[in-house]
């Protein structure tokens, strides 16, 4: 291989890498959401506040590369449905699931989270933009079973009252249907 052809291969490799990185970060905007992984501390707080356990079915909306999906299945032994609309991240999820010994507890769905039916969910996790949370609220109210928990990182469910809000990780916990009850204050 000559020096000129080696330089060409290196340059081509750098261009391919840059395009792949740009796609991974920015192309998801075309699918309605940017990519920002949920921080590990927030993932742990979300699952802990929701009291996730082996009897739960966790729906992870906008599963990304699986931080919540794999932790909920591996550590908390829950059944998990991870939903991701962006094709590249969905493929990463599928690859990761194929390599894990607890894949029987993980179901992955490529598609629009607004097309989901939430009747089987006992826990819903989300790190979504405020507009998405606003659009999901009526679906939650129509479909979540009583006692279901919704945990959200950074963005509240508009119109709902959080049972808990961990300020250190900015995680909100809601219980359905109590989340829609008005806040009462003791004025005695």
Protein backbone atom coordinates (compact mmCIF):
# COMPACT_ATOMS: atom_id res chain seq x y z
CA UNK A 1 0.00 0.00 0.00
CA UNK A 2 1.42 3.35 -0.96
CA UNK A 3 1.50 6.40 1.29
CA UNK A 4 -1.14 8.12 -0.86
CA UNK A 5 -3.55 5.20 -0.66
CA UNK A 6 -2.99 4.86 3.10
CA UNK A 7 -3.84 8.53 3.56
CA UNK A 8 -6.98 8.02 1.46
CA UNK A 9 -8.09 5.03 3.57
CA UNK A 10 -7.48 6.94 6.82
CA UNK A 11 -9.35 10.00 5.52
CA UNK A 12 -12.23 7.84 4.31
CA UNK A 13 -12.37 6.10 7.69
CA UNK A 14 -12.48 9.43 9.51
CA UNK A 15 -15.27 10.67 7.26
CA UNK A 16 -17.30 7.49 7.80
CA UNK A 17 -16.76 7.76 11.56
CA UNK A 18 -17.78 11.43 11.60
CA UNK A 19 -20.91 10.72 9.55
CA UNK A 20 -21.87 7.82 11.81
CA UNK A 21 -21.37 9.94 14.93
CA UNK A 22 -23.37 12.82 13.44
CA UNK A 23 -26.18 10.43 12.50
CA UNK A 24 -26.21 8.87 15.96
CA UNK A 25 -26.50 12.24 17.69
CA UNK A 26 -28.46 14.42 15.26
CA UNK A 27 -30.50 12.23 12.91
CA UNK A 28 -32.85 11.25 15.71
CA UNK A 29 -34.26 14.78 15.57
CA UNK A 30 -35.92 13.64 12.34
CA UNK A 31 -37.67 10.99 14.45
CA UNK A 32 -38.88 13.56 16.99
CA UNK A 33 -36.30 13.25 19.76
CA UNK A 34 -32.70 14.10 20.34
CA UNK A 35 -30.27 11.70 21.94
CA UNK A 36 -29.10 12.27 25.46
CA UNK A 37 -28.43 9.17 27.55
CA UNK A 38 -30.04 9.05 30.97
CA UNK A 39 -27.28 9.49 33.58
CA UNK A 40 -26.51 6.35 35.60
CA UNK A 41 -27.52 8.02 38.90
CA UNK A 42 -30.88 9.03 37.39
CA UNK A 43 -31.47 5.50 36.03
CA UNK A 44 -30.87 4.03 39.46
CA UNK A 45 -33.08 6.63 41.15
CA UNK A 46 -35.89 6.06 38.62
CA UNK A 47 -35.93 2.31 39.24
CA UNK A 48 -35.55 2.69 43.00
CA UNK A 49 -38.32 5.31 43.39
CA UNK A 50 -40.66 3.18 41.27
CA UNK A 51 -39.84 0.20 43.50
CA UNK A 52 -39.29 -1.99 40.45
CA UNK A 53 -39.27 -5.70 41.18
CA UNK A 54 -39.66 -9.13 39.55
CA UNK A 55 -43.45 -8.80 39.27
CA UNK A 56 -43.23 -5.57 37.27
CA UNK A 57 -43.55 -4.92 33.57
CA UNK A 58 -41.47 -1.84 32.80
CA UNK A 59 -42.13 0.15 29.62
CA UNK A 60 -39.06 2.24 28.75
CA UNK A 61 -40.11 4.96 26.32
CA UNK A 62 -37.31 6.14 24.07
CA UNK A 63 -35.05 3.31 25.20
CA UNK A 64 -31.98 4.69 23.42
CA UNK A 65 -29.13 2.23 23.88
CA UNK A 66 -30.75 0.51 26.85
CA UNK A 67 -29.51 2.01 30.14
CA UNK A 68 -32.89 1.47 31.81
CA UNK A 69 -33.89 -1.65 29.85
CA UNK A 70 -30.88 -3.74 30.82
CA UNK A 71 -30.60 -2.51 34.40
CA UNK A 72 -34.30 -3.17 35.13
CA UNK A 73 -34.03 -6.69 33.69
CA UNK A 74 -30.63 -7.60 35.18
CA UNK A 75 -30.68 -6.00 38.63
CA UNK A 76 -34.41 -5.76 39.37
CA UNK A 77 -35.45 -8.94 37.47
CA UNK A 78 -38.39 -7.11 35.86
CA UNK A 79 -39.90 -7.85 32.48
CA UNK A 80 -39.08 -4.90 30.22
CA UNK A 81 -40.48 -3.53 26.99
CA UNK A 82 -38.04 -1.07 25.43
CA UNK A 83 -39.41 1.15 22.68
CA UNK A 84 -37.13 3.08 20.33
CA UNK A 85 -38.04 4.87 17.10
CA UNK A 86 -34.53 5.60 15.83
CA UNK A 87 -33.30 2.63 13.73
CA UNK A 88 -29.59 2.71 14.60
CA UNK A 89 -30.20 2.75 18.37
CA UNK A 90 -32.83 0.04 17.96
CA UNK A 91 -30.21 -2.16 16.28
CA UNK A 92 -27.82 -1.48 19.17
CA UNK A 93 -30.56 -2.57 21.59
CA UNK A 94 -31.12 -5.78 19.61
CA UNK A 95 -27.40 -6.54 19.58
CA UNK A 96 -27.09 -5.92 23.31
CA UNK A 97 -30.12 -8.13 24.03
CA UNK A 98 -28.66 -10.96 21.94
CA UNK A 99 -25.51 -10.87 24.09
CA UNK A 100 -27.15 -10.86 27.52
CA UNK A 101 -28.11 -13.90 29.61
CA UNK A 102 -31.41 -12.33 30.71
CA UNK A 103 -32.76 -11.63 27.21
CA UNK A 104 -35.90 -13.64 27.99
CA UNK A 105 -37.07 -10.73 30.18
CA UNK A 106 -36.54 -8.10 27.47
CA UNK A 107 -38.87 -7.29 24.58
CA UNK A 108 -37.86 -4.62 22.12
CA UNK A 109 -40.13 -2.70 19.82
CA UNK A 110 -39.05 -0.48 16.98
CA UNK A 111 -41.68 2.15 16.51
CA UNK A 112 -43.69 5.03 17.80
CA UNK A 113 -44.34 5.05 21.54
CA UNK A 114 -47.64 6.84 20.92
CA UNK A 115 -48.92 3.65 19.26
CA UNK A 116 -48.35 1.58 22.41
CA UNK A 117 -51.08 0.25 24.63
CA UNK A 118 -50.10 0.85 28.26
CA UNK A 119 -52.61 -1.54 29.88
CA UNK A 120 -49.91 -4.11 30.76
CA UNK A 121 -47.40 -1.60 32.17
CA UNK A 122 -46.86 -1.48 35.92
CA UNK A 123 -43.98 1.01 35.53
CA UNK A 124 -43.32 3.51 32.74
CA UNK A 125 -39.93 5.21 32.50
CA UNK A 126 -39.26 8.27 30.36
CA UNK A 127 -36.58 10.83 29.65
CA UNK A 128 -38.52 12.73 27.01
CA UNK A 129 -39.07 16.29 25.98
CA UNK A 130 -41.96 18.24 27.57
CA UNK A 131 -44.05 18.09 24.40
CA UNK A 132 -43.88 14.30 24.38
CA UNK A 133 -44.88 14.18 28.05
CA UNK A 134 -47.88 16.39 27.23
CA UNK A 135 -48.92 14.08 24.39
CA UNK A 136 -48.50 10.97 26.53
CA UNK A 137 -50.61 12.21 29.44
CA UNK A 138 -54.04 11.41 27.90
CA UNK A 139 -52.79 7.95 26.86
CA UNK A 140 -51.56 7.31 30.39
CA UNK A 141 -54.88 8.45 31.83
CA UNK A 142 -56.87 6.26 29.45
CA UNK A 143 -54.71 3.14 29.55
CA UNK A 144 -52.55 2.78 32.67
CA UNK A 145 -53.84 0.30 35.24
CA UNK A 146 -54.49 1.54 38.77
CA UNK A 147 -51.30 1.55 40.82
CA UNK A 148 -48.98 1.94 37.84
CA UNK A 149 -45.95 4.13 38.45
CA UNK A 150 -44.56 6.66 35.99
CA UNK A 151 -41.02 7.92 36.52
CA UNK A 152 -39.60 10.72 34.46
CA UNK A 153 -36.16 12.27 34.34
CA UNK A 154 -36.00 16.08 33.92
CA UNK A 155 -39.52 16.71 32.64
CA UNK A 156 -42.70 16.47 34.68
CA UNK A 157 -46.00 15.12 33.41
CA UNK A 158 -47.97 18.36 32.91
CA UNK A 159 -51.03 18.57 35.15
CA UNK A 160 -49.98 15.67 37.38
CA UNK A 161 -48.77 15.92 40.95
CA UNK A 162 -45.56 14.04 41.67
CA UNK A 163 -45.56 11.77 44.71
CA UNK A 164 -41.81 12.35 44.95
CA UNK A 165 -39.27 14.53 43.19
CA UNK A 166 -35.61 13.78 43.76
CA UNK A 167 -33.94 17.13 43.14
CA UNK A 168 -30.41 15.72 43.03
CA UNK A 169 -31.23 13.59 39.95
CA UNK A 170 -34.33 15.51 38.78
CA UNK A 171 -36.47 12.37 38.82
CA UNK A 172 -40.25 12.57 39.25
CA UNK A 173 -42.38 9.69 40.55
CA UNK A 174 -46.13 9.50 39.89
CA UNK A 175 -48.66 6.84 40.85
CA UNK A 176 -51.73 6.44 38.71
CA UNK A 177 -54.47 7.58 39.35
CA UNK A 178 -53.35 9.48 42.48
CA UNK A 179 -51.14 11.70 40.30
CA UNK A 180 -54.19 13.60 39.06
CA UNK A 181 -55.55 14.34 42.52
CA UNK A 182 -55.33 18.00 43.53
CA UNK A 183 -52.65 18.95 46.00
CA UNK A 184 -54.14 19.50 49.44
CA UNK A 185 -52.64 21.66 52.12
CA UNK A 186 -53.36 21.58 55.81
CA UNK A 187 -54.28 25.12 56.81
CA UNK A 188 -55.20 24.52 60.45
